[in-house]
Amino acid sequence: MIFNKPYGVLSQFTPEGRWRGLGEFISLKDVYVAGRLDADSEGLLLLTDDGRLQARIADPKHKLVKTYWAQVEGEPAEADLDRLRAGIRLSDFTAQPAQVRRIDEPPGLWLRDPPIRYRAAIPTSWLEIRIAEGKNRQVRRMGAAIGYPVLRLVRAAVGKLSVAGLAPGEWRLMEGNINDLRA
């Protein structure tokens, strides 16, 4: 199944502290998250009842490309983005080269609740970032490493599967296998 995870929801069924859980939105039993999103990130989350498929989706060795839309503080130059395209050293690993491009705000993007912080003196811009990894807070850390903190992060797609047509908190069932996901 695919789910459009809203901001403030954990990639687990039970709530914890100030964060809500998936159980508030999904009543199906025996489905498990395949590839997590942090509570402060939004967008496409895959869930499955097939443990082998779950492992394959989450495992970077299968090179399943994930597409993110990142709203960053400031306006990165191409030279800044080239650092991400080359693979950038983070504190505990070197991120593989990413496909990165500047984009306009994605059409049809829902409002975030709560909205990101707004500062009139500091512009923001949007990036589309495609990676096959998915280490802890990787896209946010990549943005910080080049001097452009990520203010809002939306996973738009995993392979061929897209969040298009799903409002935050909505889900739909899908059929197929991991080979159907490859873009």
N, C-alpha and C. Protein backbone atom coordinates (compact mmCIF):
# COMPACT_ATOMS: atom_id res chain seq x y z
N MET A 1 0.84 -1.17 0.00
CA MET A 1 0.00 0.00 0.00
C MET A 1 0.89 1.24 0.00
N ILE A 2 0.37 2.32 -0.51
CA ILE A 2 1.09 3.58 -0.45
C ILE A 2 0.28 4.56 0.40
N PHE A 3 0.99 5.37 1.15
CA PHE A 3 0.39 6.29 2.11
C PHE A 3 1.08 7.63 1.99
N ASN A 4 0.31 8.70 2.00
CA ASN A 4 0.87 10.05 2.02
C ASN A 4 0.97 10.47 3.48
N LYS A 5 2.16 10.29 4.05
CA LYS A 5 2.39 10.55 5.47
C LYS A 5 2.44 12.05 5.73
N PRO A 6 1.54 12.54 6.58
CA PRO A 6 1.59 13.96 6.93
C PRO A 6 2.77 14.29 7.86
N TYR A 7 3.08 15.56 7.93
CA TYR A 7 4.05 16.06 8.91
C TYR A 7 3.55 15.68 10.31
N GLY A 8 4.47 15.31 11.18
CA GLY A 8 4.13 15.04 12.57
C GLY A 8 3.66 13.63 12.86
N VAL A 9 3.80 12.74 11.86
CA VAL A 9 3.38 11.35 12.03
C VAL A 9 4.62 10.47 11.94
N LEU A 10 4.76 9.57 12.90
CA LEU A 10 5.88 8.63 12.91
C LEU A 10 5.65 7.51 11.90
N SER A 11 6.73 6.86 11.49
CA SER A 11 6.65 5.70 10.60
C SER A 11 6.46 4.43 11.44
N GLN A 12 5.53 4.48 12.37
CA GLN A 12 5.17 3.36 13.22
C GLN A 12 3.70 3.55 13.60
N PHE A 13 3.07 2.50 14.02
CA PHE A 13 1.63 2.57 14.26
C PHE A 13 1.25 3.23 15.58
N THR A 14 2.13 3.23 16.54
CA THR A 14 1.79 3.81 17.84
C THR A 14 2.35 5.22 17.96
N PRO A 15 1.58 6.12 18.55
CA PRO A 15 2.08 7.48 18.77
C PRO A 15 3.16 7.47 19.84
N GLU A 16 3.95 8.53 19.86
CA GLU A 16 5.03 8.62 20.84
C GLU A 16 5.29 10.09 21.13
N GLY A 17 5.14 10.48 22.39
CA GLY A 17 5.35 11.87 22.74
C GLY A 17 4.39 12.78 21.98
N ARG A 18 4.94 13.80 21.34
CA ARG A 18 4.11 14.76 20.61
C ARG A 18 3.75 14.29 19.20
N TRP A 19 4.31 13.16 18.76
CA TRP A 19 4.10 12.67 17.39
C TRP A 19 2.95 11.66 17.33
N ARG A 20 2.18 11.76 16.27
CA ARG A 20 1.08 10.82 16.02
C ARG A 20 1.64 9.54 15.38
N GLY A 21 0.83 8.48 15.36
CA GLY A 21 1.23 7.21 14.76
C GLY A 21 0.39 6.88 13.55
N LEU A 22 0.85 5.91 12.76
CA LEU A 22 0.13 5.49 11.55
C LEU A 22 -1.24 4.91 11.86
N GLY A 23 -1.41 4.34 13.04
CA GLY A 23 -2.69 3.74 13.42
C GLY A 23 -3.85 4.71 13.38
N GLU A 24 -3.56 5.99 13.46
CA GLU A 24 -4.60 7.02 13.37
C GLU A 24 -5.20 7.07 11.95
N PHE A 25 -4.44 6.58 10.96
CA PHE A 25 -4.84 6.68 9.56
C PHE A 25 -5.11 5.33 8.89
N ILE A 26 -4.42 4.28 9.36
CA ILE A 26 -4.47 2.98 8.69
C ILE A 26 -4.98 1.94 9.66
N SER A 27 -6.09 1.29 9.30
CA SER A 27 -6.68 0.29 10.20
C SER A 27 -6.34 -1.14 9.78
N LEU A 28 -5.64 -1.32 8.66
CA LEU A 28 -5.26 -2.65 8.22
C LEU A 28 -4.31 -3.29 9.23
N LYS A 29 -4.43 -4.59 9.39
CA LYS A 29 -3.56 -5.32 10.31
C LYS A 29 -2.43 -5.99 9.53
N ASP A 30 -1.34 -6.24 10.20
CA ASP A 30 -0.21 -7.00 9.66
C ASP A 30 0.42 -6.38 8.42
N VAL A 31 0.47 -5.05 8.38
CA VAL A 31 1.27 -4.37 7.36
C VAL A 31 2.39 -3.64 8.08
N TYR A 32 3.53 -3.55 7.38
CA TYR A 32 4.72 -2.99 8.00
C TYR A 32 5.35 -1.98 7.07
N VAL A 33 6.00 -1.00 7.66
CA VAL A 33 6.65 0.07 6.90
C VAL A 33 7.87 -0.48 6.17
N ALA A 34 8.01 -0.10 4.91
CA ALA A 34 9.17 -0.47 4.09
C ALA A 34 9.89 0.81 3.70
N GLY A 35 10.83 1.24 4.53
CA GLY A 35 11.54 2.49 4.29
C GLY A 35 10.89 3.61 5.08
N ARG A 36 11.56 4.08 6.07
CA ARG A 36 10.97 5.03 7.01
C ARG A 36 11.07 6.47 6.52
N LEU A 37 10.24 7.31 7.10
CA LEU A 37 10.33 8.77 6.97
C LEU A 37 10.29 9.33 8.38
N ASP A 38 11.12 10.33 8.65
CA ASP A 38 11.10 10.98 9.95
C ASP A 38 9.75 11.66 10.18
N ALA A 39 9.41 11.89 11.43
CA ALA A 39 8.14 12.55 11.76
C ALA A 39 8.03 13.92 11.13
N ASP A 40 9.17 14.62 10.98
CA ASP A 40 9.11 15.96 10.41
C ASP A 40 9.25 15.98 8.89
N SER A 41 9.20 14.81 8.26
CA SER A 41 9.18 14.70 6.81
C SER A 41 7.80 14.21 6.38
N GLU A 42 7.46 14.48 5.13
CA GLU A 42 6.13 14.15 4.62
C GLU A 42 6.27 13.31 3.37
N GLY A 43 5.14 12.77 2.92
CA GLY A 43 5.10 12.16 1.61
C GLY A 43 4.98 10.66 1.61
N LEU A 44 5.45 10.07 0.50
CA LEU A 44 5.19 8.67 0.18
C LEU A 44 5.86 7.71 1.16
N LEU A 45 5.03 6.88 1.74
CA LEU A 45 5.48 5.82 2.63
C LEU A 45 4.87 4.53 2.12
N LEU A 46 5.70 3.51 1.96
CA LEU A 46 5.24 2.21 1.49
C LEU A 46 5.05 1.28 2.68
N LEU A 47 3.98 0.51 2.65
CA LEU A 47 3.71 -0.49 3.67
C LEU A 47 3.35 -1.78 2.96
N THR A 48 3.73 -2.91 3.54
CA THR A 48 3.47 -4.20 2.92
C THR A 48 3.25 -5.26 3.99
N ASP A 49 2.59 -6.34 3.58
CA ASP A 49 2.45 -7.49 4.46
C ASP A 49 3.44 -8.60 4.08
N ASP A 50 4.32 -8.30 3.12
CA ASP A 50 5.32 -9.26 2.62
C ASP A 50 6.69 -8.87 3.18
N GLY A 51 7.17 -9.66 4.14
CA GLY A 51 8.44 -9.34 4.79
C GLY A 51 9.63 -9.29 3.85
N ARG A 52 9.66 -10.19 2.87
CA ARG A 52 10.77 -10.18 1.90
C ARG A 52 10.72 -8.93 1.04
N LEU A 53 9.53 -8.53 0.61
CA LEU A 53 9.39 -7.31 -0.19
C LEU A 53 9.79 -6.10 0.65
N GLN A 54 9.39 -6.08 1.91
CA GLN A 54 9.74 -4.99 2.81
C GLN A 54 11.26 -4.84 2.88
N ALA A 55 11.96 -5.93 3.05
CA ALA A 55 13.42 -5.89 3.15
C ALA A 55 14.04 -5.41 1.85
N ARG A 56 13.53 -5.85 0.72
CA ARG A 56 14.08 -5.45 -0.58
C ARG A 56 13.85 -3.95 -0.84
N ILE A 57 12.69 -3.44 -0.47
CA ILE A 57 12.41 -2.02 -0.68
C ILE A 57 13.35 -1.17 0.16
N ALA A 58 13.55 -1.57 1.40
CA ALA A 58 14.35 -0.77 2.33
C ALA A 58 15.86 -0.92 2.11
N ASP A 59 16.30 -1.98 1.49
CA ASP A 59 17.73 -2.26 1.34
C ASP A 59 18.34 -1.47 0.19
N PRO A 60 19.35 -0.60 0.48
CA PRO A 60 19.96 0.22 -0.58
C PRO A 60 20.65 -0.58 -1.68
N LYS A 61 21.00 -1.84 -1.42
CA LYS A 61 21.69 -2.60 -2.47
C LYS A 61 20.79 -2.85 -3.67
N HIS A 62 19.48 -2.68 -3.51
CA HIS A 62 18.55 -2.87 -4.62
C HIS A 62 18.37 -1.60 -5.45
N LYS A 63 19.02 -0.51 -5.02
CA LYS A 63 19.09 0.75 -5.78
C LYS A 63 17.71 1.26 -6.21
N LEU A 64 16.75 1.18 -5.33
CA LEU A 64 15.43 1.72 -5.60
C LEU A 64 15.50 3.23 -5.38
N VAL A 65 15.33 3.99 -6.44
CA VAL A 65 15.52 5.44 -6.37
C VAL A 65 14.33 6.10 -5.67
N LYS A 66 14.66 6.98 -4.74
CA LYS A 66 13.66 7.76 -4.03
C LYS A 66 13.80 9.23 -4.46
N THR A 67 12.69 9.86 -4.76
CA THR A 67 12.67 11.25 -5.20
C THR A 67 12.11 12.11 -4.08
N TYR A 68 12.86 13.14 -3.73
CA TYR A 68 12.45 14.05 -2.66
C TYR A 68 12.33 15.47 -3.21
N TRP A 69 11.38 16.22 -2.66
CA TRP A 69 11.30 17.65 -2.88
C TRP A 69 11.73 18.30 -1.58
N ALA A 70 12.76 19.12 -1.65
CA ALA A 70 13.29 19.77 -0.46
C ALA A 70 13.19 21.28 -0.60
N GLN A 71 12.50 21.91 0.32
CA GLN A 71 12.48 23.36 0.37
C GLN A 71 13.63 23.76 1.28
N VAL A 72 14.56 24.52 0.74
CA VAL A 72 15.76 24.88 1.48
C VAL A 72 15.80 26.37 1.75
N GLU A 73 16.52 26.71 2.79
CA GLU A 73 16.73 28.11 3.13
C GLU A 73 17.83 28.65 2.23
N GLY A 74 17.54 29.70 1.48
CA GLY A 74 18.52 30.29 0.58
C GLY A 74 18.33 29.81 -0.85
N GLU A 75 19.27 30.21 -1.70
CA GLU A 75 19.21 29.90 -3.12
C GLU A 75 20.54 29.30 -3.56
N PRO A 76 20.66 27.98 -3.52
CA PRO A 76 21.94 27.34 -3.86
C PRO A 76 22.31 27.57 -5.33
N ALA A 77 23.59 27.78 -5.55
CA ALA A 77 24.13 27.90 -6.90
C ALA A 77 24.41 26.51 -7.45
N GLU A 78 24.61 26.41 -8.74
CA GLU A 78 24.92 25.12 -9.36
C GLU A 78 26.17 24.49 -8.75
N ALA A 79 27.15 25.33 -8.38
CA ALA A 79 28.37 24.80 -7.76
C ALA A 79 28.05 24.10 -6.44
N ASP A 80 27.08 24.64 -5.69
CA ASP A 80 26.66 23.98 -4.44
C ASP A 80 26.02 22.63 -4.74
N LEU A 81 25.17 22.60 -5.76
CA LEU A 81 24.49 21.36 -6.11
C LEU A 81 25.46 20.34 -6.69
N ASP A 82 26.52 20.83 -7.35
CA ASP A 82 27.54 19.93 -7.88
C ASP A 82 28.20 19.11 -6.77
N ARG A 83 28.29 19.68 -5.58
CA ARG A 83 28.87 18.95 -4.46
C ARG A 83 28.01 17.73 -4.11
N LEU A 84 26.69 17.88 -4.23
CA LEU A 84 25.80 16.75 -3.98
C LEU A 84 25.85 15.75 -5.13
N ARG A 85 25.99 16.28 -6.34
CA ARG A 85 26.07 15.41 -7.53
C ARG A 85 27.35 14.57 -7.53
N ALA A 86 28.38 15.05 -6.85
CA ALA A 86 29.66 14.33 -6.79
C ALA A 86 29.70 13.31 -5.66
N GLY A 87 28.75 13.40 -4.74
CA GLY A 87 28.82 12.58 -3.53
C GLY A 87 29.49 13.42 -2.46
N ILE A 88 28.84 13.58 -1.34
CA ILE A 88 29.35 14.50 -0.32
C ILE A 88 29.65 13.75 0.97
N ARG A 89 30.76 14.12 1.59
CA ARG A 89 31.17 13.52 2.86
C ARG A 89 30.32 14.10 3.97
N LEU A 90 29.66 13.22 4.72
CA LEU A 90 28.93 13.61 5.92
C LEU A 90 29.73 13.09 7.10
N SER A 91 29.30 13.34 8.30
CA SER A 91 30.12 13.00 9.47
C SER A 91 30.43 11.51 9.57
N ASP A 92 29.50 10.65 9.18
CA ASP A 92 29.71 9.22 9.38
C ASP A 92 29.75 8.39 8.10
N PHE A 93 29.56 9.00 6.93
CA PHE A 93 29.65 8.29 5.66
C PHE A 93 29.70 9.30 4.52
N THR A 94 30.05 8.81 3.36
CA THR A 94 30.02 9.64 2.16
C THR A 94 28.77 9.26 1.37
N ALA A 95 27.89 10.24 1.17
CA ALA A 95 26.67 9.99 0.41
C ALA A 95 27.03 9.74 -1.04
N GLN A 96 26.37 8.78 -1.65
CA GLN A 96 26.57 8.51 -3.06
C GLN A 96 26.14 9.72 -3.88
N PRO A 97 26.65 9.86 -5.09
CA PRO A 97 26.22 10.98 -5.94
C PRO A 97 24.70 11.00 -6.09
N ALA A 98 24.14 12.19 -5.97
CA ALA A 98 22.70 12.39 -6.08
C ALA A 98 22.38 13.09 -7.39
N GLN A 99 21.20 12.85 -7.88
CA GLN A 99 20.68 13.64 -8.99
C GLN A 99 19.93 14.81 -8.35
N VAL A 100 20.35 16.03 -8.66
CA VAL A 100 19.79 17.21 -8.01
C VAL A 100 19.52 18.28 -9.05
N ARG A 101 18.36 18.92 -8.91
CA ARG A 101 18.06 20.06 -9.77
C ARG A 101 17.15 21.02 -9.02
N ARG A 102 17.27 22.28 -9.36
CA ARG A 102 16.36 23.28 -8.80
C ARG A 102 15.02 23.15 -9.51
N ILE A 103 13.94 23.31 -8.76
CA ILE A 103 12.59 23.25 -9.33
C ILE A 103 11.76 24.39 -8.75
N ASP A 104 10.66 24.69 -9.40
CA ASP A 104 9.66 25.57 -8.80
C ASP A 104 8.94 24.77 -7.72
N GLU A 105 8.21 25.47 -6.87
CA GLU A 105 7.41 24.73 -5.89
C GLU A 105 6.55 23.74 -6.65
N PRO A 106 6.55 22.47 -6.23
CA PRO A 106 5.79 21.46 -6.97
C PRO A 106 4.31 21.83 -7.08
N PRO A 107 3.76 21.72 -8.28
CA PRO A 107 2.34 22.04 -8.45
C PRO A 107 1.47 21.07 -7.67
N GLY A 108 0.44 21.59 -7.07
CA GLY A 108 -0.48 20.74 -6.32
C GLY A 108 0.02 20.34 -4.94
N LEU A 109 1.17 20.87 -4.52
CA LEU A 109 1.69 20.51 -3.21
C LEU A 109 0.76 21.08 -2.13
N TRP A 110 0.39 20.24 -1.20
CA TRP A 110 -0.49 20.62 -0.12
C TRP A 110 0.21 21.56 0.85
N LEU A 111 -0.57 22.31 1.61
CA LEU A 111 -0.02 23.15 2.67
C LEU A 111 0.43 22.26 3.82
N ARG A 112 1.52 22.62 4.44
CA ARG A 112 1.98 21.86 5.60
C ARG A 112 1.34 22.42 6.85
N ASP A 113 0.98 21.54 7.76
CA ASP A 113 0.40 21.95 9.03
C ASP A 113 1.26 21.38 10.15
N PRO A 114 2.00 22.22 10.87
CA PRO A 114 2.06 23.67 10.76
C PRO A 114 2.98 24.10 9.62
N PRO A 115 2.79 25.34 9.15
CA PRO A 115 3.66 25.82 8.06
C PRO A 115 5.11 25.95 8.52
N ILE A 116 6.03 25.95 7.54
CA ILE A 116 7.44 26.15 7.89
C ILE A 116 7.61 27.57 8.39
N ARG A 117 8.73 27.81 9.06
CA ARG A 117 8.99 29.17 9.53
C ARG A 117 9.22 30.08 8.32
N TYR A 118 8.77 31.29 8.45
CA TYR A 118 8.90 32.25 7.35
C TYR A 118 9.74 33.42 7.83
N ARG A 119 10.76 33.77 7.03
CA ARG A 119 11.58 34.94 7.34
C ARG A 119 11.68 35.78 6.07
N ALA A 120 11.14 36.97 6.11
CA ALA A 120 11.05 37.83 4.92
C ALA A 120 12.42 38.13 4.32
N ALA A 121 13.46 38.19 5.14
CA ALA A 121 14.79 38.56 4.64
C ALA A 121 15.56 37.38 4.04
N ILE A 122 15.06 36.17 4.21
CA ILE A 122 15.78 34.99 3.72
C ILE A 122 14.88 34.23 2.75
N PRO A 123 15.25 34.20 1.47
CA PRO A 123 14.42 33.47 0.50
C PRO A 123 14.57 31.96 0.68
N THR A 124 13.63 31.24 0.11
CA THR A 124 13.74 29.79 0.08
C THR A 124 13.67 29.35 -1.38
N SER A 125 14.11 28.15 -1.63
CA SER A 125 14.01 27.57 -2.97
C SER A 125 13.75 26.08 -2.83
N TRP A 126 13.34 25.47 -3.94
CA TRP A 126 13.01 24.06 -3.97
C TRP A 126 14.02 23.28 -4.79
N LEU A 127 14.36 22.09 -4.29
CA LEU A 127 15.24 21.17 -5.01
C LEU A 127 14.52 19.84 -5.18
N GLU A 128 14.78 19.19 -6.30
CA GLU A 128 14.39 17.80 -6.46
C GLU A 128 15.66 16.98 -6.31
N ILE A 129 15.65 16.05 -5.38
CA ILE A 129 16.83 15.23 -5.07
C ILE A 129 16.45 13.77 -5.23
N ARG A 130 17.22 13.06 -6.03
CA ARG A 130 16.98 11.63 -6.27
C ARG A 130 18.19 10.85 -5.77
N ILE A 131 17.93 9.92 -4.83
CA ILE A 131 18.99 9.10 -4.26
C ILE A 131 18.53 7.65 -4.16
N ALA A 132 19.47 6.74 -4.15
CA ALA A 132 19.15 5.31 -3.98
C ALA A 132 19.45 4.86 -2.56
N GLU A 133 20.07 5.73 -1.78
CA GLU A 133 20.33 5.42 -0.37
C GLU A 133 19.11 5.85 0.44
N GLY A 134 19.29 6.02 1.69
CA GLY A 134 18.23 6.49 2.55
C GLY A 134 18.65 6.37 3.99
N LYS A 135 19.84 6.83 4.27
CA LYS A 135 20.34 6.75 5.64
C LYS A 135 19.63 7.79 6.51
N ASN A 136 19.80 7.67 7.80
CA ASN A 136 19.10 8.52 8.76
C ASN A 136 19.28 10.01 8.45
N ARG A 137 18.18 10.69 8.16
CA ARG A 137 18.12 12.13 7.91
C ARG A 137 19.08 12.56 6.80
N GLN A 138 19.31 11.69 5.84
CA GLN A 138 20.34 11.92 4.82
C GLN A 138 20.11 13.19 4.01
N VAL A 139 18.91 13.39 3.48
CA VAL A 139 18.68 14.57 2.64
C VAL A 139 18.85 15.84 3.46
N ARG A 140 18.36 15.85 4.66
CA ARG A 140 18.52 17.03 5.53
C ARG A 140 20.01 17.28 5.80
N ARG A 141 20.74 16.23 6.05
CA ARG A 141 22.17 16.37 6.34
C ARG A 141 22.93 16.84 5.09
N MET A 142 22.52 16.37 3.92
CA MET A 142 23.16 16.82 2.68
C MET A 142 22.94 18.31 2.48
N GLY A 143 21.72 18.78 2.71
CA GLY A 143 21.43 20.21 2.57
C GLY A 143 22.27 21.04 3.53
N ALA A 144 22.34 20.59 4.78
CA ALA A 144 23.13 21.31 5.78
C ALA A 144 24.61 21.33 5.40
N ALA A 145 25.11 20.23 4.82
CA ALA A 145 26.53 20.13 4.46
C ALA A 145 26.93 21.13 3.39
N ILE A 146 25.99 21.55 2.55
CA ILE A 146 26.33 22.55 1.54
C ILE A 146 25.86 23.95 1.95
N GLY A 147 25.36 24.08 3.18
CA GLY A 147 25.01 25.40 3.70
C GLY A 147 23.59 25.84 3.42
N TYR A 148 22.70 24.89 3.06
CA TYR A 148 21.31 25.23 2.76
C TYR A 148 20.40 24.29 3.55
N PRO A 149 20.05 24.69 4.78
CA PRO A 149 19.22 23.83 5.62
C PRO A 149 17.88 23.52 4.96
N VAL A 150 17.45 22.27 5.13
CA VAL A 150 16.15 21.83 4.60
C VAL A 150 15.07 22.24 5.59
N LEU A 151 14.12 23.02 5.10
CA LEU A 151 13.01 23.49 5.92
C LEU A 151 11.81 22.56 5.82
N ARG A 152 11.62 22.00 4.64
CA ARG A 152 10.49 21.09 4.40
C ARG A 152 10.98 19.98 3.48
N LEU A 153 10.63 18.74 3.82
CA LEU A 153 11.07 17.60 3.03
C LEU A 153 9.88 16.70 2.72
N VAL A 154 9.68 16.47 1.42
CA VAL A 154 8.57 15.64 0.95
C VAL A 154 9.14 14.53 0.08
N ARG A 155 8.86 13.27 0.43
CA ARG A 155 9.24 12.17 -0.47
C ARG A 155 8.11 12.06 -1.49
N ALA A 156 8.45 12.40 -2.74
CA ALA A 156 7.47 12.45 -3.81
C ALA A 156 7.27 11.11 -4.49
N ALA A 157 8.32 10.26 -4.52
CA ALA A 157 8.22 9.00 -5.24
C ALA A 157 9.24 8.00 -4.72
N VAL A 158 8.90 6.74 -4.88
CA VAL A 158 9.83 5.63 -4.66
C VAL A 158 9.72 4.79 -5.93
N GLY A 159 10.79 4.80 -6.71
CA GLY A 159 10.73 4.14 -8.01
C GLY A 159 9.63 4.77 -8.84
N LYS A 160 8.75 3.95 -9.39
CA LYS A 160 7.64 4.44 -10.22
C LYS A 160 6.45 4.92 -9.40
N LEU A 161 6.42 4.57 -8.12
CA LEU A 161 5.27 4.94 -7.29
C LEU A 161 5.39 6.39 -6.85
N SER A 162 4.29 7.10 -6.98
CA SER A 162 4.28 8.53 -6.68
C SER A 162 3.19 8.84 -5.67
N VAL A 163 3.37 9.94 -4.98
CA VAL A 163 2.39 10.43 -4.02
C VAL A 163 1.26 11.20 -4.72
N ALA A 164 1.40 11.41 -6.02
CA ALA A 164 0.40 12.17 -6.78
C ALA A 164 -0.99 11.59 -6.58
N GLY A 165 -1.94 12.47 -6.35
CA GLY A 165 -3.33 12.06 -6.20
C GLY A 165 -3.73 11.65 -4.80
N LEU A 166 -2.78 11.63 -3.87
CA LEU A 166 -3.09 11.28 -2.49
C LEU A 166 -2.93 12.51 -1.61
N ALA A 167 -3.97 12.88 -0.91
CA ALA A 167 -3.88 13.98 0.06
C ALA A 167 -3.16 13.46 1.31
N PRO A 168 -2.58 14.34 2.10
CA PRO A 168 -1.95 13.88 3.35
C PRO A 168 -2.94 13.07 4.19
N GLY A 169 -2.48 11.91 4.67
CA GLY A 169 -3.32 11.04 5.48
C GLY A 169 -4.10 10.01 4.68
N GLU A 170 -4.05 10.08 3.34
CA GLU A 170 -4.76 9.11 2.51
C GLU A 170 -3.83 7.98 2.08
N TRP A 171 -4.42 6.81 1.81
CA TRP A 171 -3.66 5.66 1.35
C TRP A 171 -4.46 4.90 0.32
N ARG A 172 -3.75 4.06 -0.45
CA ARG A 172 -4.43 3.17 -1.39
C ARG A 172 -3.61 1.89 -1.51
N LEU A 173 -4.33 0.81 -1.83
CA LEU A 173 -3.68 -0.48 -2.02
C LEU A 173 -3.05 -0.52 -3.40
N MET A 174 -2.02 -1.33 -3.55
CA MET A 174 -1.37 -1.54 -4.84
C MET A 174 -1.04 -3.01 -4.97
N GLU A 175 -0.85 -3.43 -6.19
CA GLU A 175 -0.47 -4.81 -6.47
C GLU A 175 0.89 -4.80 -7.14
N GLY A 176 1.57 -5.93 -7.12
CA GLY A 176 2.83 -6.01 -7.86
C GLY A 176 3.98 -6.43 -6.97
N ASN A 177 5.18 -6.33 -7.54
CA ASN A 177 6.39 -6.71 -6.80
C ASN A 177 7.44 -5.62 -6.97
N ILE A 178 8.61 -5.83 -6.41
CA ILE A 178 9.64 -4.78 -6.43
C ILE A 178 10.05 -4.41 -7.85
N ASN A 179 10.00 -5.35 -8.78
CA ASN A 179 10.38 -5.03 -10.16
C ASN A 179 9.41 -4.03 -10.77
N ASP A 180 8.17 -4.01 -10.30
CA ASP A 180 7.21 -3.03 -10.78
C ASP A 180 7.50 -1.63 -10.26
N LEU A 181 8.35 -1.50 -9.27
CA LEU A 181 8.66 -0.20 -8.68
C LEU A 181 9.78 0.52 -9.40
N ARG A 182 10.62 -0.20 -10.08
CA ARG A 182 11.80 0.42 -10.69
C ARG A 182 11.40 1.45 -11.73
N ALA A 183 12.01 2.63 -11.61
CA ALA A 183 11.72 3.72 -12.56
C ALA A 183 12.47 3.52 -13.85
